[in-house]
Amino acid sequence: MANVCAICQKGAIPGNKYKRRGQIKRTGGAGSKIVGKTLRRFQPNLQKIKVNLNGTVRRIKVCTSCISAGKIVKA
């Protein structure tokens, strides 16, 4: 499976990309307005690392939140 964490199954989630127009208020403008919305996908931050799984060393894709939480044992 591409772009999915092997530990927590975290994958891509949908979201929006906003197109804005106008000067923002803090710089003296009337405020920025949203003039367009486009669908996009937010991808997880995956790293390919060597992991010790059941006594064997494998190279798998793991998200950085699983790495920092200590859910895996690096080889």
Protein backbone atom coordinates (compact mmCIF):
# COMPACT_ATOMS: atom_id res chain seq x y z
CA MET A 1 0.00 0.00 0.00
CA ALA A 2 1.44 3.34 -1.01
CA ASN A 3 1.54 6.34 1.34
CA VAL A 4 0.09 4.51 4.34
CA CYS A 5 1.84 4.03 7.69
CA ALA A 6 2.58 0.36 8.35
CA ILE A 7 1.93 0.77 12.10
CA CYS A 8 -1.14 3.01 12.52
CA GLN A 9 -2.55 2.86 8.94
CA LYS A 10 -2.52 6.66 8.69
CA GLY A 11 -3.16 7.71 5.10
CA ALA A 12 -4.11 10.71 3.01
CA ILE A 13 -7.06 12.83 4.18
CA PRO A 14 -9.04 15.27 2.04
CA GLY A 15 -9.00 19.01 2.57
CA ASN A 16 -9.35 22.35 0.82
CA LYS A 17 -6.90 24.77 -0.73
CA TYR A 18 -8.13 28.36 -0.51
CA LYS A 19 -7.38 31.12 -3.03
CA ARG A 20 -7.42 34.51 -1.29
CA ARG A 21 -7.57 38.02 -2.68
CA GLY A 22 -7.17 41.45 -1.06
CA GLN A 23 -4.88 43.08 1.45
CA ILE A 24 -5.09 41.76 5.01
CA LYS A 25 -6.43 43.98 7.78
CA ARG A 26 -3.26 44.12 9.87
CA THR A 27 -1.43 45.82 6.97
CA GLY A 28 -4.16 48.41 6.41
CA GLY A 29 -6.46 46.61 4.00
CA ALA A 30 -10.14 45.78 4.10
CA GLY A 31 -9.46 42.09 4.72
CA SER A 32 -8.71 39.14 2.48
CA LYS A 33 -11.58 37.35 0.80
CA ILE A 34 -11.78 33.73 -0.32
CA VAL A 35 -12.37 33.69 -4.07
CA GLY A 36 -11.85 29.99 -4.79
CA LYS A 37 -11.75 26.58 -3.12
CA THR A 38 -10.05 23.53 -4.59
CA LEU A 39 -9.98 20.00 -3.19
CA ARG A 40 -6.56 18.66 -2.23
CA ARG A 41 -5.09 15.79 -0.20
CA PHE A 42 -2.98 16.06 2.93
CA GLN A 43 -0.35 13.32 2.88
CA PRO A 44 1.17 11.81 6.05
CA ASN A 45 4.83 12.43 6.85
CA LEU A 46 6.20 8.95 6.07
CA GLN A 47 9.80 7.86 6.46
CA LYS A 48 11.32 4.66 5.09
CA ILE A 49 13.29 3.17 7.99
CA LYS A 50 14.71 -0.20 9.00
CA VAL A 51 12.57 -1.77 11.72
CA ASN A 52 13.00 -4.93 13.79
CA LEU A 53 9.72 -6.84 13.25
CA ASN A 54 9.42 -10.23 14.99
CA GLY A 55 13.19 -10.76 14.91
CA THR A 56 13.59 -9.85 11.24
CA VAL A 57 14.87 -6.55 9.89
CA ARG A 58 12.52 -4.94 7.39
CA ARG A 59 12.42 -1.58 5.65
CA ILE A 60 8.91 -0.16 6.02
CA LYS A 61 7.15 3.19 5.72
CA VAL A 62 6.34 4.64 9.15
CA CYS A 63 4.84 8.03 10.00
CA THR A 64 6.89 10.39 12.16
CA SER A 65 4.27 10.40 14.93
CA CYS A 66 4.76 6.63 15.39
CA ILE A 67 8.55 7.04 15.38
CA SER A 68 8.51 9.77 18.04
CA ALA A 69 5.95 7.87 20.14
CA GLY A 70 8.30 4.88 20.31
CA LYS A 71 5.90 2.39 18.70
CA ILE A 72 8.71 0.80 16.70
CA VAL A 73 12.19 -0.58 17.42
CA LYS A 74 14.82 0.62 14.98
CA ALA A 75 17.21 -1.97 13.59
